[in-house]
Structure formats: structure tokens, C-alpha cells
Amino acid sequence: MDKGFIKLHRKIQDHWLFEEKRTFSKFEAWIDMLLMANHKENKVVLGNELITIERGQFITSIRKLGERWNWSNTKVTNFLEILKQDEMITYKKDTKKTVITIVKYSVYHDNENAKTTRERHDKDTKATREHTNKNVKNVKNNKEYIYSRKLVYDDTHFSLAKFFYQQILKNNPQHKKPNLEKWANEIRLMMERDGRTAEQIKYLMQWVQQDEFEMVNVLSPSKLRKRFDQLVLKVKQEKNKQPKRERQPKINVSELEDWQEEMARIIEGR
């Protein structure tokens, strides 16, 4: 029974069984790492650097893995050390990221025919990979960027994603937890491509969940992004409909008391 392999598609991560909120076991964490690893070389933008991530590698952070597995940072670090000692992974971390490499990744991914092709390809591209691997060390961006395959976002984007989810929970505590990584990536696109500010996005997130109509129609950053301009116009229209408060004249208490006393004397005929 220990021969051969099964195909486990990465879409399993979108299955409701996988998305169940829980504390991961060590085995689940290991399988999750295999699913996160790139099955082919991939390029990501890190600040102003174009970084090549090798097959069997992925970029993340200790904090991100802890949130994903419901573990403490210490437990994540100890687990990675155990895998490293058993020669299952290698990893390098700094203040901005953690680069994890699955050792003998082809054992978990390739069948025999693919293995032969891969070994030939690895030999032909070894020189290129050694050159591009140096780029990983040349990170000059001050912000901590978090990567999950092709998703790119920073702490600001992820915080806004969590904020939006919290606003939705106020209206529907049973709302299914979304993929916050995808939400964060969509928010990044709003800011980088559409030119929206974090303050504008946060304001609209809060507003749509206070509007009786929009609270059931705008339940994701993608929907918010699609209708952003319409929602801004709607906010402006509602503000224009609100009556302006008339400024009340200030009353001097001492003058009022003097006036009352004078009226009393007139009435009494004094």
C-alpha cells in the first residue's frame, strides 16, 4: 500500500472541509506546505525586485503560518526546525519573509516519467537558478510583504480585509469566513491600480454594512471594487439630502436673568 501516489489538486484548499476553522495537526501542516509549494518556477515582485521562486519553494512568514494553522509563532518555528533536522525542508528567514524549500519535492509531485524529464530539466537550468537565487537576498523594501503563490499583499491590505469581514459579522455573525488572502490581494489592486486610499476603502467598507440595501449586496472587496464609483456617488447624494442644522443664537444667562427681573418689576408696577 506504500507504492504509487494519488493526485491531490490544490483546489482542495477551497473545500469546506479544508476551510473548517481548527488547529492544524503536524501532519496537516506538512500537507499544507506541500500544497503551498510552487509546482514550477514562478516570478513575484518584491518591492522593486523581480524574484524567481524555484519549484518546490514558497515565500511566507512565521506569523502568516501561525494564523493559517492556528499556532503560536514559537510552535511554527519549532516545527520548521524539526522538519529541517529530518531533512524534509530547508528554510531561510529574515525580518521580511521566510523562504521554505521542500527537499526532494519531486518525490511528492512527479510520477516516474515526469521525474526523468524533471532531472534533465534541472541539470540544464542549474546555472540559471543559481544566478536568480541570489536575488532573494537582495530585498530592499521596508514593508513586510506576504506571499502565497501568486497572491501579493502587505499588512495594510490584510488588516483592511479583516476589518471588512468584522463589519459583515456585525450584521450576520454566521457569515462564512472568506479567503482573507484573496481579499487582501483584491484590496491591493484597488489601491495600486485604481488609486484608492486606505481611508477611502475603509470608509466605504463601514458604510455599505450600515446601508440597508448595500449590506446584502456588497459582501466582498471584489464587489466593492466593481461598484466603488457608484457607491461614492450614493454616499454624496445621501449627505446632500441631510438638512443643514440651523445655528442657534447663543444665550447669555446673566442677560436673561436681568431681563426677567425687569419684566417682573413692570408687571408689579414697581
Protein backbone atom coordinates (compact mmCIF):
# COMPACT_ATOMS: atom_id res chain seq x y z
CA MET A 1 0.00 0.00 0.00
CA ASP A 2 3.00 2.34 0.19
CA LYS A 3 3.59 2.29 -3.58
CA GLY A 4 2.42 4.91 -6.05
CA PHE A 5 0.64 8.16 -5.32
CA ILE A 6 -2.72 9.94 -5.58
CA LYS A 7 -3.44 13.23 -7.27
CA LEU A 8 -4.41 15.87 -4.72
CA HIS A 9 -5.44 19.06 -6.50
CA ARG A 10 -4.73 22.39 -4.85
CA LYS A 11 -8.41 23.26 -5.20
CA ILE A 12 -8.97 21.08 -2.17
CA GLN A 13 -7.96 24.16 -0.15
CA ASP A 14 -11.26 25.76 -1.23
CA HIS A 15 -13.30 22.80 0.00
CA TRP A 16 -15.48 23.38 3.06
CA LEU A 17 -13.75 20.52 4.88
CA PHE A 18 -10.36 22.16 4.42
CA GLU A 19 -11.68 25.62 5.33
CA GLU A 20 -13.08 24.39 8.65
CA LYS A 21 -11.71 26.55 11.45
CA ARG A 22 -9.40 24.36 13.52
CA THR A 23 -5.94 23.92 14.96
CA PHE A 24 -3.81 22.02 12.46
CA SER A 25 -2.00 18.84 13.41
CA LYS A 26 1.65 18.48 12.38
CA PHE A 27 0.59 16.18 9.56
CA GLU A 28 -1.97 18.69 8.28
CA ALA A 29 0.63 21.45 8.43
CA TRP A 30 3.06 19.31 6.40
CA ILE A 31 0.43 18.55 3.73
CA ASP A 32 -0.45 22.24 3.65
CA MET A 33 3.18 23.11 2.97
CA LEU A 34 3.26 20.67 0.06
CA LEU A 35 0.15 22.35 -1.34
CA MET A 36 1.67 25.83 -0.95
CA ALA A 37 4.93 24.93 -2.72
CA ASN A 38 5.27 26.07 -6.34
CA HIS A 39 4.97 23.18 -8.79
CA LYS A 40 7.05 25.18 -11.27
CA GLU A 41 9.31 28.20 -11.21
CA ASN A 42 7.37 31.38 -10.62
CA LYS A 43 8.19 35.08 -10.52
CA VAL A 44 6.88 37.58 -7.98
CA VAL A 45 7.51 41.27 -7.46
CA LEU A 46 9.09 42.16 -4.12
CA GLY A 47 9.28 45.92 -3.85
CA ASN A 48 11.27 46.90 -6.93
CA GLU A 49 12.80 43.42 -7.32
CA LEU A 50 11.60 40.67 -9.65
CA ILE A 51 12.21 37.45 -7.70
CA THR A 52 12.22 33.93 -9.13
CA ILE A 53 10.81 31.33 -6.75
CA GLU A 54 12.03 27.86 -7.56
CA ARG A 55 9.96 24.75 -7.98
CA GLY A 56 9.25 23.28 -4.54
CA GLN A 57 9.65 26.65 -2.81
CA PHE A 58 7.24 29.20 -1.43
CA ILE A 59 7.54 32.52 0.39
CA THR A 60 5.55 33.19 3.55
CA SER A 61 6.21 34.37 7.10
CA ILE A 62 6.20 32.77 10.55
CA ARG A 63 3.28 34.97 11.54
CA LYS A 64 1.28 34.01 8.46
CA LEU A 65 1.79 30.29 9.02
CA GLY A 66 0.75 30.73 12.64
CA GLU A 67 -2.51 32.39 11.60
CA ARG A 68 -3.11 29.75 8.94
CA TRP A 69 -2.55 26.80 11.29
CA ASN A 70 -3.83 28.46 14.48
CA TRP A 71 -0.40 28.04 16.08
CA SER A 72 1.86 30.35 18.05
CA ASN A 73 4.96 31.76 16.33
CA THR A 74 7.12 29.65 18.64
CA LYS A 75 5.31 26.45 17.68
CA VAL A 76 5.71 27.25 13.98
CA THR A 77 9.43 27.89 14.37
CA ASN A 78 9.94 24.67 16.37
CA PHE A 79 8.02 22.68 13.75
CA LEU A 80 10.14 24.07 10.91
CA GLU A 81 13.26 23.16 12.87
CA ILE A 82 12.04 19.57 13.27
CA LEU A 83 11.40 19.28 9.53
CA LYS A 84 14.80 20.77 8.82
CA GLN A 85 16.54 18.30 11.15
CA ASP A 86 14.76 15.44 9.38
CA GLU A 87 15.94 16.86 6.03
CA MET A 88 12.36 17.38 4.85
CA ILE A 89 12.79 21.12 4.25
CA THR A 90 15.30 23.92 4.31
CA TYR A 91 14.31 27.47 5.12
CA LYS A 92 15.75 30.93 5.44
CA LYS A 93 14.05 33.81 7.20
CA ASP A 94 14.67 37.47 7.84
CA THR A 95 12.56 40.31 9.19
CA LYS A 96 10.52 40.50 5.98
CA LYS A 97 9.87 36.93 4.87
CA THR A 98 10.54 33.22 5.22
CA VAL A 99 11.62 31.20 2.17
CA ILE A 100 10.81 27.49 2.55
CA THR A 101 12.11 24.78 0.22
CA ILE A 102 10.64 21.26 0.18
CA VAL A 103 13.53 18.79 -0.04
CA LYS A 104 13.06 16.18 -2.82
CA TYR A 105 9.84 17.87 -3.89
CA SER A 106 9.63 15.64 -6.97
CA VAL A 107 9.06 12.62 -4.70
CA TYR A 108 5.68 14.11 -3.73
CA HIS A 109 4.76 15.54 -7.11
CA ASP A 110 6.22 13.62 -10.05
CA ASN A 111 5.44 10.19 -11.45
CA GLU A 112 8.34 8.17 -12.91
CA ASN A 113 8.14 9.64 -16.42
CA ALA A 114 7.91 13.16 -15.14
CA LYS A 115 10.80 12.50 -12.79
CA THR A 116 13.13 11.68 -15.67
CA THR A 117 12.08 14.80 -17.55
CA ARG A 118 12.50 16.91 -14.44
CA GLU A 119 16.01 15.64 -13.72
CA ARG A 120 17.07 16.55 -17.24
CA HIS A 121 15.48 19.97 -16.92
CA ASP A 122 17.09 20.59 -13.53
CA LYS A 123 20.52 19.83 -14.92
CA ASP A 124 20.05 22.18 -17.88
CA THR A 125 18.79 25.08 -15.77
CA LYS A 126 21.04 24.72 -12.72
CA ALA A 127 23.27 27.63 -13.69
CA THR A 128 20.28 29.91 -14.26
CA ARG A 129 18.71 29.03 -10.92
CA GLU A 130 21.95 29.67 -9.03
CA HIS A 131 22.06 33.13 -10.53
CA THR A 132 18.45 34.05 -9.86
CA ASN A 133 18.56 32.59 -6.35
CA LYS A 134 20.86 35.43 -5.32
CA ASN A 135 18.01 37.88 -5.90
CA VAL A 136 16.13 36.51 -2.92
CA LYS A 137 18.73 38.01 -0.60
CA ASN A 138 18.54 41.47 -2.17
CA VAL A 139 15.32 42.70 -0.61
CA LYS A 140 15.24 46.47 -0.18
CA ASN A 141 11.58 47.10 0.58
CA ASN A 142 10.90 48.36 4.12
CA LYS A 143 7.40 46.82 4.35
CA GLU A 144 6.83 43.20 5.23
CA TYR A 145 5.33 41.54 2.17
CA ILE A 146 3.49 38.24 2.41
CA TYR A 147 3.26 35.83 -0.50
CA SER A 148 1.02 32.85 -1.15
CA ARG A 149 1.82 31.61 -4.65
CA LYS A 150 0.51 34.39 -6.93
CA LEU A 151 -1.15 36.46 -4.20
CA VAL A 152 0.77 39.52 -3.05
CA TYR A 153 -0.26 41.87 -0.26
CA ASP A 154 1.09 43.68 2.79
CA ASP A 155 -0.14 44.18 6.35
CA THR A 156 -2.30 47.17 5.40
CA HIS A 157 -4.20 45.16 2.80
CA PHE A 158 -4.66 42.20 5.15
CA SER A 159 -5.84 44.46 8.01
CA LEU A 160 -8.47 46.02 5.74
CA ALA A 161 -9.63 42.53 4.69
CA LYS A 162 -10.09 41.54 8.34
CA PHE A 163 -11.84 44.85 9.07
CA PHE A 164 -14.37 44.26 6.26
CA TYR A 165 -15.07 40.74 7.50
CA GLN A 166 -15.65 42.10 11.03
CA GLN A 167 -18.14 44.66 9.67
CA ILE A 168 -20.04 41.90 7.87
CA LEU A 169 -20.14 39.78 11.04
CA LYS A 170 -21.91 42.61 12.87
CA ASN A 171 -24.89 42.10 10.55
CA ASN A 172 -24.52 38.34 10.10
CA PRO A 173 -22.49 36.53 12.80
CA GLN A 174 -22.92 33.28 10.82
CA HIS A 175 -21.32 34.63 7.64
CA LYS A 176 -18.87 32.10 6.19
CA LYS A 177 -15.24 33.07 6.71
CA PRO A 178 -13.74 34.11 3.37
CA ASN A 179 -10.26 33.59 1.98
CA LEU A 180 -8.70 36.68 3.56
CA GLU A 181 -5.57 36.30 1.42
CA LYS A 182 -7.62 36.72 -1.77
CA TRP A 183 -9.45 39.64 -0.17
CA ALA A 184 -6.14 41.30 0.73
CA ASN A 185 -4.87 40.85 -2.81
CA GLU A 186 -8.05 42.45 -4.22
CA ILE A 187 -7.63 45.40 -1.85
CA ARG A 188 -4.03 45.78 -3.04
CA LEU A 189 -5.31 46.03 -6.61
CA MET A 190 -7.80 48.70 -5.55
CA MET A 191 -5.01 50.77 -4.06
CA GLU A 192 -2.28 50.17 -6.63
CA ARG A 193 -4.26 50.03 -9.87
CA ASP A 194 -7.37 52.08 -9.06
CA GLY A 195 -5.67 54.69 -6.90
CA ARG A 196 -7.96 54.28 -3.88
CA THR A 197 -6.61 55.20 -0.46
CA ALA A 198 -6.85 53.01 2.62
CA GLU A 199 -9.06 55.63 4.28
CA GLN A 200 -11.50 55.70 1.34
CA ILE A 201 -11.72 51.91 1.24
CA LYS A 202 -12.23 51.60 4.99
CA TYR A 203 -14.93 54.28 4.98
CA LEU A 204 -16.90 52.53 2.22
CA MET A 205 -16.50 49.13 3.91
CA GLN A 206 -18.13 50.54 7.01
CA TRP A 207 -20.77 52.49 5.10
CA VAL A 208 -22.05 49.61 2.93
CA GLN A 209 -22.58 47.47 6.03
CA GLN A 210 -24.71 50.25 7.57
CA ASP A 211 -26.82 50.72 4.46
CA GLU A 212 -29.94 48.50 4.41
CA PHE A 213 -29.66 47.82 0.68
CA GLU A 214 -25.91 47.55 0.20
CA MET A 215 -25.22 45.36 3.26
CA VAL A 216 -26.59 42.33 1.40
CA ASN A 217 -25.12 43.24 -1.99
CA VAL A 218 -21.54 44.23 -1.20
CA LEU A 219 -20.01 41.31 0.68
CA SER A 220 -16.51 41.15 -0.80
CA PRO A 221 -13.69 43.51 -1.82
CA SER A 222 -14.16 42.48 -5.48
CA LYS A 223 -17.77 43.68 -5.36
CA LEU A 224 -16.70 46.82 -3.54
CA ARG A 225 -14.05 47.47 -6.19
CA LYS A 226 -16.51 46.92 -9.05
CA ARG A 227 -19.07 49.38 -7.65
CA PHE A 228 -16.66 51.79 -5.95
CA ASP A 229 -17.54 54.89 -8.00
CA GLN A 230 -21.29 54.18 -7.77
CA LEU A 231 -21.06 53.83 -4.01
CA VAL A 232 -19.13 57.10 -3.66
CA LEU A 233 -21.87 58.92 -5.60
CA LYS A 234 -24.53 57.32 -3.41
CA VAL A 235 -22.73 58.48 -0.26
CA LYS A 236 -22.54 62.03 -1.63
CA GLN A 237 -26.22 62.03 -2.58
CA GLU A 238 -27.25 60.93 0.91
CA LYS A 239 -25.12 63.63 2.51
CA ASN A 240 -26.69 66.29 0.28
CA LYS A 241 -30.18 65.17 1.34
CA GLN A 242 -29.42 65.68 5.03
CA PRO A 243 -30.90 69.05 6.24
CA LYS A 244 -28.36 71.56 7.42
CA ARG A 245 -28.65 72.40 11.09
CA GLU A 246 -29.61 75.99 11.75
CA ARG A 247 -27.21 77.70 14.03
CA GLN A 248 -28.93 78.64 17.30
CA PRO A 249 -28.03 82.04 18.78
CA LYS A 250 -26.02 81.87 21.93
CA ILE A 251 -27.92 82.94 25.08
CA ASN A 252 -26.19 84.95 27.77
CA VAL A 253 -27.56 83.57 31.04
CA SER A 254 -26.86 86.73 33.08
CA GLU A 255 -28.62 88.95 30.50
CA LEU A 256 -31.62 86.63 30.54
CA GLU A 257 -31.90 86.86 34.35
CA ASP A 258 -31.72 90.70 34.22
CA TRP A 259 -34.45 90.77 31.57
CA GLN A 260 -36.69 88.50 33.66
CA GLU A 261 -36.27 90.72 36.75
CA GLU A 262 -37.09 93.86 34.72
CA MET A 263 -40.27 92.28 33.33
CA ALA A 264 -41.34 91.29 36.85
CA ARG A 265 -40.97 94.90 38.08
CA ILE A 266 -43.03 96.24 35.16
CA ILE A 267 -45.83 93.75 35.83
CA GLU A 268 -45.95 94.59 39.57
CA GLY A 269 -45.98 98.32 38.75
CA ARG A 270 -42.74 98.98 40.57
